[in-house]
C-alpha atoms as a PDB file:
ATOM      1  CA  MET A   1     -12.376 -22.029  31.903  1.00  0.00           C
ATOM      2  CA  PRO A   2      -9.368 -24.272  31.340  1.00  0.00           C
ATOM      3  CA  HIS A   3      -9.502 -27.164  28.907  1.00  0.00           C
ATOM      4  CA  CYS A   4      -9.805 -30.448  30.745  1.00  0.00           C
ATOM      5  CA  THR A   5      -7.017 -32.827  29.802  1.00  0.00           C
ATOM      6  CA  SER A   6      -7.489 -35.677  32.246  1.00  0.00           C
ATOM      7  CA  THR A   7     -10.359 -38.025  33.061  1.00  0.00           C
ATOM      8  CA  THR A   8      -9.023 -38.513  36.584  1.00  0.00           C
ATOM      9  CA  SER A   9      -9.602 -35.049  37.973  1.00  0.00           C
ATOM     10  CA  ASP A  10      -9.973 -35.008  41.762  1.00  0.00           C
ATOM     11  CA  ALA A  11     -12.254 -31.983  41.714  1.00  0.00           C
ATOM     12  CA  ILE A  12     -15.145 -32.453  39.285  1.00  0.00           C
ATOM     13  CA  PRO A  13     -16.224 -28.919  38.405  1.00  0.00           C
ATOM     14  CA  TRP A  14     -19.756 -29.722  37.274  1.00  0.00           C
ATOM     15  CA  THR A  15     -23.157 -30.748  38.570  1.00  0.00           C
ATOM     16  CA  ILE A  16     -25.587 -33.033  36.739  1.00  0.00           C
ATOM     17  CA  LYS A  17     -29.336 -32.967  37.199  1.00  0.00           C
ATOM     18  CA  PRO A  18     -32.567 -33.513  35.233  1.00  0.00           C
ATOM     19  CA  ILE A  19     -33.658 -30.503  33.224  1.00  0.00           C
ATOM     20  CA  GLN A  20     -36.635 -28.530  34.488  1.00  0.00           C
ATOM     21  CA  PRO A  21     -39.418 -26.852  32.465  1.00  0.00           C
ATOM     22  CA  GLU A  22     -38.082 -23.407  33.342  1.00  0.00           C
ATOM     23  CA  THR A  23     -34.788 -24.241  31.569  1.00  0.00           C
ATOM     24  CA  TYR A  24     -36.318 -25.718  28.363  1.00  0.00           C
ATOM     25  CA  GLY A  25     -35.638 -22.548  26.392  1.00  0.00           C
ATOM     26  CA  GLU A  26     -31.999 -22.388  27.481  1.00  0.00           C
ATOM     27  CA  ILE A  27     -31.487 -26.102  26.807  1.00  0.00           C
ATOM     28  CA  PHE A  28     -33.169 -25.845  23.412  1.00  0.00           C
ATOM     29  CA  ALA A  29     -30.938 -22.891  22.420  1.00  0.00           C
ATOM     30  CA  PHE A  30     -27.853 -24.818  23.628  1.00  0.00           C
ATOM     31  CA  ILE A  31     -28.842 -27.837  21.506  1.00  0.00           C
ATOM     32  CA  ASN A  32     -29.500 -25.701  18.434  1.00  0.00           C
ATOM     33  CA  ASN A  33     -26.161 -23.925  18.825  1.00  0.00           C
ATOM     34  CA  ALA A  34     -24.349 -27.267  19.064  1.00  0.00           C
ATOM     35  CA  ARG A  35     -26.236 -28.644  16.054  1.00  0.00           C
ATOM     36  CA  GLU A  36     -25.383 -25.548  14.014  1.00  0.00           C
ATOM     37  CA  THR A  37     -21.704 -26.120  14.806  1.00  0.00           C
ATOM     38  CA  MET A  38     -21.800 -29.793  13.776  1.00  0.00           C
ATOM     39  CA  PHE A  39     -24.448 -29.622  11.042  1.00  0.00           C
ATOM     40  CA  PRO A  40     -24.516 -26.104   9.560  1.00  0.00           C
ATOM     41  CA  GLY A  41     -28.013 -25.151   8.441  1.00  0.00           C
ATOM     42  CA  LEU A  42     -29.847 -27.959  10.272  1.00  0.00           C
ATOM     43  CA  TYR A  43     -31.949 -26.609  13.114  1.00  0.00           C
ATOM     44  CA  LEU A  44     -34.473 -28.331  15.316  1.00  0.00           C
ATOM     45  CA  ALA A  45     -38.116 -27.480  14.894  1.00  0.00           C
ATOM     46  CA  PRO A  46     -39.048 -24.653  17.275  1.00  0.00           C
ATOM     47  CA  ASP A  47     -41.265 -26.964  19.374  1.00  0.00           C
ATOM     48  CA  SER A  48     -39.246 -27.741  22.489  1.00  0.00           C
ATOM     49  CA  GLU A  49     -42.323 -29.266  24.135  1.00  0.00           C
ATOM     50  CA  ALA A  50     -42.258 -32.142  21.608  1.00  0.00           C
ATOM     51  CA  LEU A  51     -38.621 -32.874  22.403  1.00  0.00           C
ATOM     52  CA  PHE A  52     -39.096 -32.638  26.157  1.00  0.00           C
ATOM     53  CA  GLY A  53     -42.240 -34.798  26.303  1.00  0.00           C
ATOM     54  CA  PRO A  54     -43.578 -36.697  29.317  1.00  0.00           C
ATOM     55  CA  GLU A  55     -41.740 -39.946  28.445  1.00  0.00           C
ATOM     56  CA  SER A  56     -38.473 -38.183  27.640  1.00  0.00           C
ATOM     57  CA  HIS A  57     -35.671 -37.742  30.100  1.00  0.00           C
ATOM     58  CA  PHE A  58     -32.937 -35.126  29.717  1.00  0.00           C
ATOM     59  CA  LEU A  59     -29.977 -34.266  31.890  1.00  0.00           C
ATOM     60  CA  GLU A  60     -27.995 -31.071  32.028  1.00  0.00           C
ATOM     61  CA  ALA A  61     -24.493 -30.454  33.340  1.00  0.00           C
ATOM     62  CA  ARG A  62     -23.462 -27.088  34.677  1.00  0.00           C
ATOM     63  CA  ASP A  63     -20.285 -25.490  35.865  1.00  0.00           C
ATOM     64  CA  GLY A  64     -21.747 -23.071  38.370  1.00  0.00           C
ATOM     65  CA  GLN A  65     -24.555 -21.369  36.461  1.00  0.00           C
ATOM     66  CA  THR A  66     -23.080 -22.121  33.028  1.00  0.00           C
ATOM     67  CA  LEU A  67     -24.738 -24.862  30.960  1.00  0.00           C
ATOM     68  CA  ILE A  68     -21.911 -27.057  29.648  1.00  0.00           C
ATOM     69  CA  ALA A  69     -23.548 -30.288  28.427  1.00  0.00           C
ATOM     70  CA  VAL A  70     -26.831 -32.078  27.775  1.00  0.00           C
ATOM     71  CA  ILE A  71     -28.029 -35.589  26.946  1.00  0.00           C
ATOM     72  CA  GLY A  72     -31.419 -37.199  26.769  1.00  0.00           C
ATOM     73  CA  TYR A  73     -33.545 -40.065  25.679  1.00  0.00           C
ATOM     74  CA  ILE A  74     -36.932 -40.100  24.028  1.00  0.00           C
ATOM     75  CA  PRO A  75     -39.248 -43.016  23.284  1.00  0.00           C
ATOM     76  CA  TYR A  76     -38.156 -44.668  20.040  1.00  0.00           C
ATOM     77  CA  ASN A  77     -40.891 -44.016  17.473  1.00  0.00           C
ATOM     78  CA  ASN A  78     -39.963 -46.669  14.863  1.00  0.00           C
ATOM     79  CA  ARG A  79     -39.036 -43.987  12.338  1.00  0.00           C
ATOM     80  CA  PHE A  80     -36.473 -46.268  10.721  1.00  0.00           C
ATOM     81  CA  PRO A  81     -38.478 -49.184   9.276  1.00  0.00           C
ATOM     82  CA  GLN A  82     -35.407 -51.404   8.949  1.00  0.00           C
ATOM     83  CA  PHE A  83     -35.319 -51.793  12.748  1.00  0.00           C
ATOM     84  CA  ASP A  84     -38.062 -53.622  14.605  1.00  0.00           C
ATOM     85  CA  TYR A  85     -38.234 -52.629  18.253  1.00  0.00           C
ATOM     86  CA  HIS A  86     -41.981 -53.219  18.599  1.00  0.00           C
ATOM     87  CA  ARG A  87     -41.554 -55.985  21.194  1.00  0.00           C
ATOM     88  CA  THR A  88     -38.874 -54.196  23.210  1.00  0.00           C
ATOM     89  CA  LYS A  89     -39.215 -51.019  25.259  1.00  0.00           C
ATOM     90  CA  THR A  90     -36.715 -48.917  23.364  1.00  0.00           C
ATOM     91  CA  ALA A  91     -35.536 -45.357  23.900  1.00  0.00           C
ATOM     92  CA  GLU A  92     -33.463 -43.258  21.530  1.00  0.00           C
ATOM     93  CA  VAL A  93     -30.411 -41.557  23.024  1.00  0.00           C
ATOM     94  CA  VAL A  94     -30.345 -38.009  21.683  1.00  0.00           C
ATOM     95  CA  ARG A  95     -28.539 -34.705  21.929  1.00  0.00           C
ATOM     96  CA  LEU A  96     -25.288 -35.531  23.687  1.00  0.00           C
ATOM     97  CA  TYR A  97     -23.438 -32.242  23.451  1.00  0.00           C
ATOM     98  CA  VAL A  98     -20.508 -31.154  25.604  1.00  0.00           C
ATOM     99  CA  LEU A  99     -18.833 -27.763  25.288  1.00  0.00           C
ATOM    100  CA  GLU A 100     -15.380 -28.222  23.792  1.00  0.00           C
ATOM    101  CA  GLN A 101     -13.431 -27.089  26.868  1.00  0.00           C
ATOM    102  CA  TYR A 102     -15.182 -29.799  28.945  1.00  0.00           C
ATOM    103  CA  ARG A 103     -14.443 -32.698  26.629  1.00  0.00           C
ATOM    104  CA  ARG A 104     -12.084 -35.538  27.545  1.00  0.00           C
ATOM    105  CA  CYS A 105     -12.870 -35.051  31.248  1.00  0.00           C
ATOM    106  CA  GLY A 106     -15.250 -37.976  31.703  1.00  0.00           C
ATOM    107  CA  LEU A 107     -18.272 -35.690  31.600  1.00  0.00           C
ATOM    108  CA  ALA A 108     -19.945 -37.411  28.623  1.00  0.00           C
ATOM    109  CA  ALA A 109     -19.370 -40.807  30.238  1.00  0.00           C
ATOM    110  CA  THR A 110     -20.848 -39.599  33.532  1.00  0.00           C
ATOM    111  CA  LEU A 111     -23.854 -38.072  31.770  1.00  0.00           C
ATOM    112  CA  PHE A 112     -24.477 -41.259  29.812  1.00  0.00           C
ATOM    113  CA  SER A 113     -24.075 -43.496  32.861  1.00  0.00           C
ATOM    114  CA  THR A 114     -26.569 -41.379  34.799  1.00  0.00           C
ATOM    115  CA  LEU A 115     -28.996 -41.427  31.869  1.00  0.00           C
ATOM    116  CA  ARG A 116     -28.647 -45.212  31.489  1.00  0.00           C
ATOM    117  CA  ASP A 117     -29.389 -45.724  35.184  1.00  0.00           C
ATOM    118  CA  ARG A 118     -32.550 -43.636  34.818  1.00  0.00           C
ATOM    119  CA  ALA A 119     -33.593 -45.627  31.736  1.00  0.00           C
ATOM    120  CA  VAL A 120     -33.242 -48.882  33.658  1.00  0.00           C
ATOM    121  CA  GLN A 121     -35.454 -47.430  36.422  1.00  0.00           C
ATOM    122  CA  ASP A 122     -37.978 -46.512  33.713  1.00  0.00           C
ATOM    123  CA  GLY A 123     -37.994 -50.083  32.359  1.00  0.00           C
ATOM    124  CA  VAL A 124     -36.152 -49.317  29.114  1.00  0.00           C
ATOM    125  CA  GLU A 125     -34.746 -52.534  27.652  1.00  0.00           C
ATOM    126  CA  CYS A 126     -32.856 -51.203  24.640  1.00  0.00           C
ATOM    127  CA  PHE A 127     -31.133 -47.981  23.668  1.00  0.00           C
ATOM    128  CA  TYR A 128     -31.036 -46.967  20.004  1.00  0.00           C
ATOM    129  CA  LEU A 129     -29.038 -44.074  18.566  1.00  0.00           C
ATOM    130  CA  HIS A 130     -27.519 -42.914  15.338  1.00  0.00           C
ATOM    131  CA  THR A 131     -24.404 -40.903  14.732  1.00  0.00           C
ATOM    132  CA  HIS A 132     -22.000 -40.103  11.922  1.00  0.00           C
ATOM    133  CA  PRO A 133     -18.351 -41.069  11.406  1.00  0.00           C
ATOM    134  CA  PHE A 134     -17.367 -37.465  10.634  1.00  0.00           C
ATOM    135  CA  LEU A 135     -18.102 -36.566  14.280  1.00  0.00           C
ATOM    136  CA  PRO A 136     -14.722 -37.142  15.946  1.00  0.00           C
ATOM    137  CA  GLY A 137     -14.748 -40.092  18.323  1.00  0.00           C
ATOM    138  CA  ALA A 138     -18.529 -40.611  18.241  1.00  0.00           C
ATOM    139  CA  VAL A 139     -18.677 -44.231  17.063  1.00  0.00           C
ATOM    140  CA  SER A 140     -15.803 -45.333  19.293  1.00  0.00           C
ATOM    141  CA  PHE A 141     -17.334 -43.527  22.302  1.00  0.00           C
ATOM    142  CA  TRP A 142     -20.624 -45.376  21.958  1.00  0.00           C
ATOM    143  CA  LYS A 143     -18.904 -48.723  21.355  1.00  0.00           C
ATOM    144  CA  LYS A 144     -16.978 -48.199  24.578  1.00  0.00           C
ATOM    145  CA  TYR A 145     -20.308 -47.998  26.421  1.00  0.00           C
ATOM    146  CA  GLY A 146     -21.816 -51.182  25.020  1.00  0.00           C
ATOM    147  CA  PHE A 147     -23.351 -50.078  21.735  1.00  0.00           C
ATOM    148  CA  ARG A 148     -22.951 -52.154  18.606  1.00  0.00           C
ATOM    149  CA  VAL A 149     -23.298 -50.961  15.033  1.00  0.00           C
ATOM    150  CA  THR A 150     -26.440 -52.341  13.410  1.00  0.00           C
ATOM    151  CA  GLN A 151     -26.193 -50.541  10.065  1.00  0.00           C
ATOM    152  CA  VAL A 152     -24.150 -47.905   8.253  1.00  0.00           C
ATOM    153  CA  GLU A 153     -26.100 -46.173   5.509  1.00  0.00           C
ATOM    154  CA  GLU A 154     -24.380 -45.881   2.148  1.00  0.00           C
ATOM    155  CA  ASN A 155     -24.975 -42.148   1.731  1.00  0.00           C
ATOM    156  CA  PRO A 156     -21.500 -40.752   0.934  1.00  0.00           C
ATOM    157  CA  VAL A 157     -22.039 -37.550   2.937  1.00  0.00           C
ATOM    158  CA  TRP A 158     -23.815 -38.698   6.081  1.00  0.00           C
ATOM    159  CA  GLN A 159     -22.946 -42.398   6.426  1.00  0.00           C
ATOM    160  CA  THR A 160     -25.508 -42.519   9.212  1.00  0.00           C
ATOM    161  CA  THR A 161     -24.341 -45.137  11.689  1.00  0.00           C
ATOM    162  CA  HIS A 162     -27.179 -46.837  13.561  1.00  0.00           C
ATOM    163  CA  MET A 163     -26.301 -48.397  16.920  1.00  0.00           C
ATOM    164  CA  GLU A 164     -28.046 -50.214  19.752  1.00  0.00           C
ATOM    165  CA  ALA A 165     -27.314 -51.426  23.261  1.00  0.00           C
ATOM    166  CA  MET A 166     -29.407 -53.822  25.281  1.00  0.00           C
ATOM    167  CA  LEU A 167     -29.861 -52.772  28.893  1.00  0.00           C
ATOM    168  CA  LYS A 168     -29.564 -55.925  30.955  1.00  0.00           C
ATOM    169  CA  THR A 169     -31.248 -55.721  34.316  1.00  0.00           C
ATOM    170  CA  ALA A 170     -31.651 -57.937  37.335  1.00  0.00           C
ATOM    171  CA  LYS A 171     -35.100 -58.752  38.714  1.00  0.00           C
ATOM    172  CA  ASP A 172     -34.795 -55.818  41.109  1.00  0.00           C
ATOM    173  CA  GLY A 173     -34.308 -53.423  38.171  1.00  0.00           C
ATOM    174  CA  THR A 174     -30.605 -52.736  38.728  1.00  0.00           C
ATOM    175  CA  LEU A 175     -28.267 -52.664  35.755  1.00  0.00           C
ATOM    176  CA  LEU A 176     -26.142 -55.783  35.276  1.00  0.00           C
ATOM    177  CA  GLN A 177     -22.534 -55.250  34.299  1.00  0.00           C
ATOM    178  CA  GLU A 178     -21.551 -56.259  30.777  1.00  0.00           C
ATOM    179  CA  GLU A 179     -19.351 -59.329  30.612  1.00  0.00           C
END
């Protein structure tokens, strides 16, 4: 598979669709492999059912039969007490992973846009996520798609960067464009 070098490819080689229960194991292994690459030694708990719960929504991208990327959102569970989302329907964007040879092709942007549209349909008002500055391009990617930094933790290793984006919708539930 050639490395994608342009975001204006005429022939998009992938398909995007919601994950299905029969692919949970494959998706979970893909996520753990990606996490091991970025965060050596940090694995997810072996309970994929908790991650892929009834209020979660995950998308997969495939090139033919090959899984090349995932993204999802889960209900925000208020696990960071410094943020109060109790009055806002908030979802946490999680597990955006794209195989290296498919990066810089617009795939992550397409995945996120599709996920955001689904969140709006589900009545989500706010997206929360956290990332780390040592992940190349992560903070700038999310800023490009409307996220703002709400806090950067002082931990010298992780510098966890918390971000949020409000999902503005019209009365009919469609996403309004940012000004």
